[in-house]
């Protein structure tokens, strides 16, 4: 079952997001198991939402890639507010939404 993970970084900036993304994502795509990635600034910080093929693929990324590389030079500081959920509905459109 797909898994949704959201991170909110209080006080986070786009520059910190880009530095963090460059450090943990493959240069031409997403980590194995990640099927959706969206991020943007919001009131008080920066929000990242991801959907994974399973909770296990999400945990592999967190434990095997993200956590070992923290802290990231120029990236987010501290720990994010985190929420996760088993996905009960995922709909997509065949439309690209470039930033």
PDB file of N, CA and C in Angstrom:
ATOM      1  N   UNK A   1       0.841  -1.175   0.000  1.00  0.00           N
ATOM      2  CA  UNK A   1       0.000   0.000   0.000  1.00  0.00           C
ATOM      3  C   UNK A   1       0.889   1.242   0.000  1.00  0.00           C
ATOM      4  N   UNK A   2       0.511   2.248  -0.778  1.00  0.00           N
ATOM      5  CA  UNK A   2       1.272   3.493  -0.856  1.00  0.00           C
ATOM      6  C   UNK A   2       1.282   4.197   0.495  1.00  0.00           C
ATOM      7  N   UNK A   3       2.313   5.015   0.692  1.00  0.00           N
ATOM      8  CA  UNK A   3       2.513   5.703   1.964  1.00  0.00           C
ATOM      9  C   UNK A   3       2.811   7.174   1.705  1.00  0.00           C
ATOM     10  N   UNK A   4       2.126   8.042   2.431  1.00  0.00           N
ATOM     11  CA  UNK A   4       2.293   9.492   2.343  1.00  0.00           C
ATOM     12  C   UNK A   4       3.162   9.958   3.503  1.00  0.00           C
ATOM     13  N   UNK A   5       4.159  10.790   3.196  1.00  0.00           N
ATOM     14  CA  UNK A   5       4.999  11.384   4.233  1.00  0.00           C
ATOM     15  C   UNK A   5       5.083  12.879   3.993  1.00  0.00           C
ATOM     16  N   UNK A   6       4.820  13.650   5.041  1.00  0.00           N
ATOM     17  CA  UNK A   6       4.938  15.100   4.968  1.00  0.00           C
ATOM     18  C   UNK A   6       5.939  15.582   5.998  1.00  0.00           C
ATOM     19  N   UNK A   7       6.777  16.504   5.557  1.00  0.00           N
ATOM     20  CA  UNK A   7       7.723  17.177   6.447  1.00  0.00           C
ATOM     21  C   UNK A   7       7.464  18.671   6.365  1.00  0.00           C
ATOM     22  N   UNK A   8       7.336  19.308   7.516  1.00  0.00           N
ATOM     23  CA  UNK A   8       7.259  20.765   7.590  1.00  0.00           C
ATOM     24  C   UNK A   8       8.473  21.234   8.366  1.00  0.00           C
ATOM     25  N   UNK A   9       9.256  22.083   7.718  1.00  0.00           N
ATOM     26  CA  UNK A   9      10.470  22.634   8.334  1.00  0.00           C
ATOM     27  C   UNK A   9      10.184  24.065   8.766  1.00  0.00           C
ATOM     28  N   UNK A  10       9.920  24.299  10.066  1.00  0.00           N
ATOM     29  CA  UNK A  10       9.693  25.665  10.536  1.00  0.00           C
ATOM     30  C   UNK A  10      10.889  26.555  10.179  1.00  0.00           C
ATOM     31  N   UNK A  11      10.616  27.691   9.588  1.00  0.00           N
ATOM     32  CA  UNK A  11      11.666  28.624   9.213  1.00  0.00           C
ATOM     33  C   UNK A  11      12.461  28.203   7.990  1.00  0.00           C
ATOM     34  N   UNK A  12      12.113  27.068   7.374  1.00  0.00           N
ATOM     35  CA  UNK A  12      12.851  26.572   6.212  1.00  0.00           C
ATOM     36  C   UNK A  12      12.678  27.461   4.986  1.00  0.00           C
ATOM     37  N   UNK A  13      13.688  27.441   4.131  1.00  0.00           N
ATOM     38  CA  UNK A  13      13.680  28.266   2.924  1.00  0.00           C
ATOM     39  C   UNK A  13      13.836  27.406   1.677  1.00  0.00           C
ATOM     40  N   UNK A  14      13.558  27.994   0.522  1.00  0.00           N
ATOM     41  CA  UNK A  14      13.745  27.280  -0.736  1.00  0.00           C
ATOM     42  C   UNK A  14      15.207  26.927  -0.956  1.00  0.00           C
ATOM     43  N   UNK A  15      16.110  27.800  -0.558  1.00  0.00           N
ATOM     44  CA  UNK A  15      17.541  27.524  -0.723  1.00  0.00           C
ATOM     45  C   UNK A  15      17.951  26.297   0.096  1.00  0.00           C
ATOM     46  N   UNK A  16      17.445  26.198   1.329  1.00  0.00           N
ATOM     47  CA  UNK A  16      17.729  25.026   2.154  1.00  0.00           C
ATOM     48  C   UNK A  16      17.120  23.769   1.538  1.00  0.00           C
ATOM     49  N   UNK A  17      15.918  23.892   1.000  1.00  0.00           N
ATOM     50  CA  UNK A  17      15.269  22.767   0.334  1.00  0.00           C
ATOM     51  C   UNK A  17      16.111  22.279  -0.839  1.00  0.00           C
ATOM     52  N   UNK A  18      16.546  23.191  -1.683  1.00  0.00           N
ATOM     53  CA  UNK A  18      17.325  22.796  -2.870  1.00  0.00           C
ATOM     54  C   UNK A  18      18.645  22.132  -2.469  1.00  0.00           C
ATOM     55  N   UNK A  19      19.301  22.634  -1.433  1.00  0.00           N
ATOM     56  CA  UNK A  19      20.542  22.012  -0.961  1.00  0.00           C
ATOM     57  C   UNK A  19      20.269  20.610  -0.422  1.00  0.00           C
ATOM     58  N   UNK A  20      19.196  20.457   0.316  1.00  0.00           N
ATOM     59  CA  UNK A  20      18.840  19.158   0.876  1.00  0.00           C
ATOM     60  C   UNK A  20      18.469  18.174  -0.231  1.00  0.00           C
ATOM     61  N   UNK A  21      17.678  18.622  -1.174  1.00  0.00           N
ATOM     62  CA  UNK A  21      17.256  17.775  -2.290  1.00  0.00           C
ATOM     63  C   UNK A  21      18.466  17.289  -3.080  1.00  0.00           C
ATOM     64  N   UNK A  22      19.392  18.191  -3.371  1.00  0.00           N
ATOM     65  CA  UNK A  22      20.581  17.822  -4.141  1.00  0.00           C
ATOM     66  C   UNK A  22      21.418  16.771  -3.411  1.00  0.00           C
ATOM     67  N   UNK A  23      21.390  16.791  -2.093  1.00  0.00           N
ATOM     68  CA  UNK A  23      22.209  15.865  -1.309  1.00  0.00           C
ATOM     69  C   UNK A  23      21.602  14.469  -1.183  1.00  0.00           C
ATOM     70  N   UNK A  24      20.282  14.349  -1.312  1.00  0.00           N
ATOM     71  CA  UNK A  24      19.661  13.043  -1.050  1.00  0.00           C
ATOM     72  C   UNK A  24      18.885  12.441  -2.213  1.00  0.00           C
ATOM     73  N   UNK A  25      18.645  13.207  -3.263  1.00  0.00           N
ATOM     74  CA  UNK A  25      17.933  12.674  -4.429  1.00  0.00           C
ATOM     75  C   UNK A  25      18.920  12.377  -5.550  1.00  0.00           C
ATOM     76  N   UNK A  26      18.639  11.346  -6.345  1.00  0.00           N
ATOM     77  CA  UNK A  26      19.461  11.119  -7.538  1.00  0.00           C
ATOM     78  C   UNK A  26      19.373  12.340  -8.460  1.00  0.00           C
ATOM     79  N   UNK A  27      20.415  12.618  -9.237  1.00  0.00           N
ATOM     80  CA  UNK A  27      20.419  13.835 -10.066  1.00  0.00           C
ATOM     81  C   UNK A  27      19.315  13.885 -11.122  1.00  0.00           C
ATOM     82  N   UNK A  28      18.848  12.754 -11.598  1.00  0.00           N
ATOM     83  CA  UNK A  28      17.847  12.756 -12.675  1.00  0.00           C
ATOM     84  C   UNK A  28      16.584  12.005 -12.289  1.00  0.00           C
ATOM     85  N   UNK A  29      16.080  12.232 -11.089  1.00  0.00           N
ATOM     86  CA  UNK A  29      14.863  11.546 -10.704  1.00  0.00           C
ATOM     87  C   UNK A  29      14.648  11.524  -9.214  1.00  0.00           C
ATOM     88  N   UNK A  30      13.887  10.528  -8.805  1.00  0.00           N
ATOM     89  CA  UNK A  30      13.536  10.397  -7.395  1.00  0.00           C
ATOM     90  C   UNK A  30      14.157   9.118  -6.828  1.00  0.00           C
ATOM     91  N   UNK A  31      14.252   9.048  -5.506  1.00  0.00           N
ATOM     92  CA  UNK A  31      14.772   7.830  -4.890  1.00  0.00           C
ATOM     93  C   UNK A  31      13.892   6.621  -5.228  1.00  0.00           C
ATOM     94  N   UNK A  32      14.475   5.448  -5.159  1.00  0.00           N
ATOM     95  CA  UNK A  32      13.730   4.229  -5.431  1.00  0.00           C
ATOM     96  C   UNK A  32      12.522   4.144  -4.504  1.00  0.00           C
ATOM     97  N   UNK A  33      11.368   3.902  -5.078  1.00  0.00           N
ATOM     98  CA  UNK A  33      10.142   3.766  -4.304  1.00  0.00           C
ATOM     99  C   UNK A  33       9.338   5.044  -4.165  1.00  0.00           C
ATOM    100  N   UNK A  34       9.945   6.198  -4.439  1.00  0.00           N
ATOM    101  CA  UNK A  34       9.197   7.458  -4.341  1.00  0.00           C
ATOM    102  C   UNK A  34       8.464   7.670  -5.655  1.00  0.00           C
ATOM    103  N   UNK A  35       7.140   7.884  -5.579  1.00  0.00           N
ATOM    104  CA  UNK A  35       6.354   8.024  -6.797  1.00  0.00           C
ATOM    105  C   UNK A  35       5.776   9.425  -6.974  1.00  0.00           C
ATOM    106  N   UNK A  36       5.928  10.266  -5.957  1.00  0.00           N
ATOM    107  CA  UNK A  36       5.380  11.619  -6.027  1.00  0.00           C
ATOM    108  C   UNK A  36       6.164  12.494  -5.069  1.00  0.00           C
ATOM    109  N   UNK A  37       6.491  13.691  -5.527  1.00  0.00           N
ATOM    110  CA  UNK A  37       7.242  14.631  -4.690  1.00  0.00           C
ATOM    111  C   UNK A  37       6.758  16.032  -5.023  1.00  0.00           C
ATOM    112  N   UNK A  38       6.347  16.766  -4.003  1.00  0.00           N
ATOM    113  CA  UNK A  38       5.926  18.151  -4.187  1.00  0.00           C
ATOM    114  C   UNK A  38       6.401  18.943  -2.977  1.00  0.00           C
ATOM    115  N   UNK A  39       6.829  20.176  -3.215  1.00  0.00           N
ATOM    116  CA  UNK A  39       7.365  20.988  -2.124  1.00  0.00           C
ATOM    117  C   UNK A  39       7.157  22.463  -2.413  1.00  0.00           C
ATOM    118  N   UNK A  40       7.061  23.244  -1.345  1.00  0.00           N
ATOM    119  CA  UNK A  40       6.943  24.676  -1.529  1.00  0.00           C
ATOM    120  C   UNK A  40       6.920  25.428  -0.211  1.00  0.00           C
ATOM    121  N   UNK A  41       7.180  26.736  -0.308  1.00  0.00           N
ATOM    122  CA  UNK A  41       7.145  27.567   0.894  1.00  0.00           C
ATOM    123  C   UNK A  41       5.703  27.752   1.363  1.00  0.00           C
ATOM    124  N   UNK A  42       5.547  27.832   2.665  1.00  0.00           N
ATOM    125  CA  UNK A  42       4.242  28.087   3.256  1.00  0.00           C
ATOM    126  C   UNK A  42       4.437  28.982   4.467  1.00  0.00           C
ATOM    127  N   UNK A  43       3.362  29.452   5.031  1.00  0.00           N
ATOM    128  CA  UNK A  43       3.466  30.341   6.179  1.00  0.00           C
ATOM    129  C   UNK A  43       4.318  29.707   7.277  1.00  0.00           C
ATOM    130  N   UNK A  44       5.410  30.359   7.601  1.00  0.00           N
ATOM    131  CA  UNK A  44       6.251  29.908   8.697  1.00  0.00           C
ATOM    132  C   UNK A  44       7.307  28.884   8.360  1.00  0.00           C
ATOM    133  N   UNK A  45       7.417  28.485   7.092  1.00  0.00           N
ATOM    134  CA  UNK A  45       8.438  27.498   6.774  1.00  0.00           C
ATOM    135  C   UNK A  45       8.305  26.893   5.393  1.00  0.00           C
ATOM    136  N   UNK A  46       8.702  25.627   5.289  1.00  0.00           N
ATOM    137  CA  UNK A  46       8.735  24.940   4.001  1.00  0.00           C
ATOM    138  C   UNK A  46       8.101  23.561   4.166  1.00  0.00           C
ATOM    139  N   UNK A  47       7.221  23.193   3.233  1.00  0.00           N
ATOM    140  CA  UNK A  47       6.470  21.947   3.304  1.00  0.00           C
ATOM    141  C   UNK A  47       6.875  21.018   2.159  1.00  0.00           C
ATOM    142  N   UNK A  48       7.129  19.753   2.493  1.00  0.00           N
ATOM    143  CA  UNK A  48       7.459  18.727   1.503  1.00  0.00           C
ATOM    144  C   UNK A  48       6.484  17.569   1.693  1.00  0.00           C
ATOM    145  N   UNK A  49       5.848  17.152   0.604  1.00  0.00           N
ATOM    146  CA  UNK A  49       4.955  15.993   0.636  1.00  0.00           C
ATOM    147  C   UNK A  49       5.453  14.977  -0.378  1.00  0.00           C
ATOM    148  N   UNK A  50       5.546  13.726   0.051  1.00  0.00           N
ATOM    149  CA  UNK A  50       5.990  12.658  -0.832  1.00  0.00           C
ATOM    150  C   UNK A  50       5.044  11.480  -0.710  1.00  0.00           C
ATOM    151  N   UNK A  51       4.934  10.722  -1.799  1.00  0.00           N
ATOM    152  CA  UNK A  51       4.197   9.467  -1.777  1.00  0.00           C
ATOM    153  C   UNK A  51       5.174   8.389  -2.205  1.00  0.00           C
ATOM    154  N   UNK A  52       5.156   7.305  -1.449  1.00  0.00           N
ATOM    155  CA  UNK A  52       6.056   6.172  -1.669  1.00  0.00           C
ATOM    156  C   UNK A  52       5.242   4.950  -2.056  1.00  0.00           C
ATOM    157  N   UNK A  53       5.872   4.023  -2.744  1.00  0.00           N
ATOM    158  CA  UNK A  53       5.183   2.792  -3.145  1.00  0.00           C
ATOM    159  C   UNK A  53       4.755   1.975  -1.929  1.00  0.00           C
ATOM    160  N   UNK A  54       5.451   2.134  -0.809  1.00  0.00           N
ATOM    161  CA  UNK A  54       5.108   1.443   0.432  1.00  0.00           C
ATOM    162  C   UNK A  54       5.758   2.159   1.610  1.00  0.00           C
ATOM    163  N   UNK A  55       5.282   1.860   2.800  1.00  0.00           N
ATOM    164  CA  UNK A  55       5.905   2.422   3.998  1.00  0.00           C
ATOM    165  C   UNK A  55       7.351   1.931   4.111  1.00  0.00           C
ATOM    166  N   UNK A  56       7.574   0.689   3.706  1.00  0.00           N
ATOM    167  CA  UNK A  56       8.917   0.107   3.777  1.00  0.00           C
ATOM    168  C   UNK A  56       9.898   0.856   2.873  1.00  0.00           C
ATOM    169  N   UNK A  57       9.475   1.230   1.660  1.00  0.00           N
ATOM    170  CA  UNK A  57      10.386   1.980   0.780  1.00  0.00           C
ATOM    171  C   UNK A  57      10.685   3.350   1.358  1.00  0.00           C
ATOM    172  N   UNK A  58       9.707   3.969   2.014  1.00  0.00           N
ATOM    173  CA  UNK A  58       9.916   5.251   2.676  1.00  0.00           C
ATOM    174  C   UNK A  58      10.928   5.097   3.805  1.00  0.00           C
ATOM    175  N   UNK A  59      10.753   4.078   4.630  1.00  0.00           N
ATOM    176  CA  UNK A  59      11.666   3.847   5.755  1.00  0.00           C
ATOM    177  C   UNK A  59      13.089   3.551   5.276  1.00  0.00           C
ATOM    178  N   UNK A  60      13.224   2.793   4.177  1.00  0.00           N
ATOM    179  CA  UNK A  60      14.561   2.521   3.626  1.00  0.00           C
ATOM    180  C   UNK A  60      15.261   3.815   3.241  1.00  0.00           C
ATOM    181  N   UNK A  61      14.518   4.733   2.614  1.00  0.00           N
ATOM    182  CA  UNK A  61      15.096   6.021   2.234  1.00  0.00           C
ATOM    183  C   UNK A  61      15.480   6.828   3.482  1.00  0.00           C
ATOM    184  N   UNK A  62      14.561   6.912   4.428  1.00  0.00           N
ATOM    185  CA  UNK A  62      14.829   7.699   5.636  1.00  0.00           C
ATOM    186  C   UNK A  62      16.053   7.169   6.379  1.00  0.00           C
ATOM    187  N   UNK A  63      16.096   5.856   6.613  1.00  0.00           N
ATOM    188  CA  UNK A  63      17.169   5.260   7.409  1.00  0.00           C
ATOM    189  C   UNK A  63      18.456   5.048   6.620  1.00  0.00           C
ATOM    190  N   UNK A  64      18.341   4.754   5.336  1.00  0.00           N
ATOM    191  CA  UNK A  64      19.527   4.432   4.546  1.00  0.00           C
ATOM    192  C   UNK A  64      20.150   5.595   3.805  1.00  0.00           C
ATOM    193  N   UNK A  65      19.368   6.657   3.555  1.00  0.00           N
ATOM    194  CA  UNK A  65      19.884   7.790   2.773  1.00  0.00           C
ATOM    195  C   UNK A  65      19.803   9.105   3.539  1.00  0.00           C
ATOM    196  N   UNK A  66      18.608   9.489   3.933  1.00  0.00           N
ATOM    197  CA  UNK A  66      18.426  10.815   4.530  1.00  0.00           C
ATOM    198  C   UNK A  66      19.145  10.963   5.871  1.00  0.00           C
ATOM    199  N   UNK A  67      18.838  10.103   6.818  1.00  0.00           N
ATOM    200  CA  UNK A  67      19.403  10.252   8.159  1.00  0.00           C
ATOM    201  C   UNK A  67      20.934  10.184   8.181  1.00  0.00           C
ATOM    202  N   UNK A  68      21.564   9.268   7.442  1.00  0.00           N
ATOM    203  CA  UNK A  68      23.026   9.224   7.464  1.00  0.00           C
ATOM    204  C   UNK A  68      23.699  10.478   6.881  1.00  0.00           C
ATOM    205  N   UNK A  69      22.981  11.235   6.048  1.00  0.00           N
ATOM    206  CA  UNK A  69      23.582  12.417   5.422  1.00  0.00           C
ATOM    207  C   UNK A  69      23.328  13.702   6.193  1.00  0.00           C
ATOM    208  N   UNK A  70      22.546  13.633   7.259  1.00  0.00           N
ATOM    209  CA  UNK A  70      22.281  14.833   8.060  1.00  0.00           C
ATOM    210  C   UNK A  70      23.435  15.110   9.008  1.00  0.00           C
ATOM    211  N   UNK A  71      23.763  16.345   9.302  1.00  0.00           N
ATOM    212  CA  UNK A  71      23.211  17.549   8.698  1.00  0.00           C
ATOM    213  C   UNK A  71      23.794  17.782   7.303  1.00  0.00           C
ATOM    214  N   UNK A  72      23.038  18.444   6.457  1.00  0.00           N
ATOM    215  CA  UNK A  72      23.442  18.742   5.093  1.00  0.00           C
ATOM    216  C   UNK A  72      23.908  20.190   5.034  1.00  0.00           C
ATOM    217  N   UNK A  73      25.101  20.405   4.512  1.00  0.00           N
ATOM    218  CA  UNK A  73      25.650  21.753   4.400  1.00  0.00           C
ATOM    219  C   UNK A  73      24.708  22.634   3.582  1.00  0.00           C
ATOM    220  N   UNK A  74      24.205  23.685   4.180  1.00  0.00           N
ATOM    221  CA  UNK A  74      23.284  24.602   3.507  1.00  0.00           C
ATOM    222  C   UNK A  74      21.849  24.129   3.505  1.00  0.00           C
ATOM    223  N   UNK A  75      21.593  22.930   4.062  1.00  0.00           N
ATOM    224  CA  UNK A  75      20.254  22.370   4.070  1.00  0.00           C
ATOM    225  C   UNK A  75      19.465  22.766   5.304  1.00  0.00           C
ATOM    226  N   UNK A  76      18.323  22.112   5.468  1.00  0.00           N
ATOM    227  CA  UNK A  76      17.472  22.386   6.621  1.00  0.00           C
ATOM    228  C   UNK A  76      18.215  22.085   7.919  1.00  0.00           C
ATOM    229  N   UNK A  77      17.854  22.818   8.958  1.00  0.00           N
ATOM    230  CA  UNK A  77      18.465  22.626  10.269  1.00  0.00           C
ATOM    231  C   UNK A  77      17.445  22.035  11.224  1.00  0.00           C
ATOM    232  N   UNK A  78      17.923  21.228  12.153  1.00  0.00           N
ATOM    233  CA  UNK A  78      17.031  20.632  13.139  1.00  0.00           C
ATOM    234  C   UNK A  78      16.198  19.509  12.557  1.00  0.00           C
ATOM    235  N   UNK A  79      15.095  19.241  13.199  1.00  0.00           N
ATOM    236  CA  UNK A  79      14.188  18.168  12.778  1.00  0.00           C
ATOM    237  C   UNK A  79      12.873  18.777  12.289  1.00  0.00           C
ATOM    238  N   UNK A  80      12.269  18.159  11.279  1.00  0.00           N
ATOM    239  CA  UNK A  80      10.985  18.672  10.800  1.00  0.00           C
ATOM    240  C   UNK A  80       9.831  18.164  11.647  1.00  0.00           C
ATOM    241  N   UNK A  81       8.704  18.824  11.503  1.00  0.00           N
ATOM    242  CA  UNK A  81       7.448  18.252  11.980  1.00  0.00           C
ATOM    243  C   UNK A  81       7.079  17.216  10.924  1.00  0.00           C
ATOM    244  N   UNK A  82       6.768  16.001  11.348  1.00  0.00           N
ATOM    245  CA  UNK A  82       6.557  14.911  10.399  1.00  0.00           C
ATOM    246  C   UNK A  82       5.212  14.240  10.634  1.00  0.00           C
ATOM    247  N   UNK A  83       4.554  13.913   9.519  1.00  0.00           N
ATOM    248  CA  UNK A  83       3.329  13.126   9.561  1.00  0.00           C
ATOM    249  C   UNK A  83       3.375  12.127   8.425  1.00  0.00           C
ATOM    250  N   UNK A  84       2.869  10.934   8.696  1.00  0.00           N
ATOM    251  CA  UNK A  84       2.782   9.899   7.683  1.00  0.00           C
ATOM    252  C   UNK A  84       1.436   9.223   7.740  1.00  0.00           C
ATOM    253  N   UNK A  85       1.032   8.614   6.605  1.00  0.00           N
ATOM    254  CA  UNK A  85      -0.258   7.934   6.561  1.00  0.00           C
ATOM    255  C   UNK A  85      -0.265   6.911   5.434  1.00  0.00           C
ATOM    256  N   UNK A  86      -0.957   5.794   5.672  1.00  0.00           N
ATOM    257  CA  UNK A  86      -1.225   4.853   4.600  1.00  0.00           C
ATOM    258  C   UNK A  86      -2.189   5.551   3.638  1.00  0.00           C
ATOM    259  N   UNK A  87      -1.920   5.471   2.357  1.00  0.00           N
ATOM    260  CA  UNK A  87      -2.738   6.157   1.354  1.00  0.00           C
ATOM    261  C   UNK A  87      -3.974   5.314   1.043  1.00  0.00           C
ATOM    262  N   UNK A  88      -5.159   5.927   1.139  1.00  0.00           N
ATOM    263  CA  UNK A  88      -6.395   5.248   0.780  1.00  0.00           C
ATOM    264  C   UNK A  88      -6.929   5.714  -0.569  1.00  0.00           C
ATOM    265  N   UNK A  89      -6.375   6.843  -1.082  1.00  0.00           N
ATOM    266  CA  UNK A  89      -6.790   7.337  -2.390  1.00  0.00           C
ATOM    267  C   UNK A  89      -5.668   8.184  -2.961  1.00  0.00           C
ATOM    268  N   UNK A  90      -5.295   7.920  -4.198  1.00  0.00           N
ATOM    269  CA  UNK A  90      -4.275   8.701  -4.898  1.00  0.00           C
ATOM    270  C   UNK A  90      -4.734   8.890  -6.327  1.00  0.00           C
ATOM    271  N   UNK A  91      -4.985  10.122  -6.700  1.00  0.00           N
ATOM    272  CA  UNK A  91      -5.409  10.434  -8.055  1.00  0.00           C
ATOM    273  C   UNK A  91      -4.387  11.364  -8.670  1.00  0.00           C
ATOM    274  N   UNK A  92      -4.126  11.171  -9.953  1.00  0.00           N
ATOM    275  CA  UNK A  92      -3.192  12.033 -10.664  1.00  0.00           C
ATOM    276  C   UNK A  92      -3.791  12.404 -12.015  1.00  0.00           C
ATOM    277  N   UNK A  93      -3.274  13.465 -12.585  1.00  0.00           N
ATOM    278  CA  UNK A  93      -3.643  13.887 -13.932  1.00  0.00           C
ATOM    279  C   UNK A  93      -2.409  13.778 -14.804  1.00  0.00           C
ATOM    280  N   UNK A  94      -2.573  13.652 -16.067  1.00  0.00           N
ATOM    281  CA  UNK A  94      -1.449  13.557 -16.998  1.00  0.00           C
ATOM    282  C   UNK A  94      -1.010  14.942 -17.444  1.00  0.00           C
ATOM    283  N   UNK A  95      -0.833  15.839 -16.469  1.00  0.00           N
ATOM    284  CA  UNK A  95      -0.443  17.215 -16.751  1.00  0.00           C
ATOM    285  C   UNK A  95       0.789  17.548 -15.924  1.00  0.00           C
ATOM    286  N   UNK A  96       1.805  18.069 -16.581  1.00  0.00           N
ATOM    287  CA  UNK A  96       3.007  18.493 -15.844  1.00  0.00           C
ATOM    288  C   UNK A  96       2.771  19.874 -15.274  1.00  0.00           C
ATOM    289  N   UNK A  97       3.298  20.102 -14.090  1.00  0.00           N
ATOM    290  CA  UNK A  97       3.187  21.403 -13.418  1.00  0.00           C
ATOM    291  C   UNK A  97       4.571  21.869 -13.030  1.00  0.00           C
ATOM    292  N   UNK A  98       5.346  22.380 -14.001  1.00  0.00           N
ATOM    293  CA  UNK A  98       6.702  22.822 -13.659  1.00  0.00           C
ATOM    294  C   UNK A  98       6.697  24.024 -12.738  1.00  0.00           C
ATOM    295  N   UNK A  99       7.712  24.084 -11.930  1.00  0.00           N
ATOM    296  CA  UNK A  99       7.846  25.215 -10.987  1.00  0.00           C
ATOM    297  C   UNK A  99       8.265  26.465 -11.705  1.00  0.00           C
TER     298      UNK A  99
END
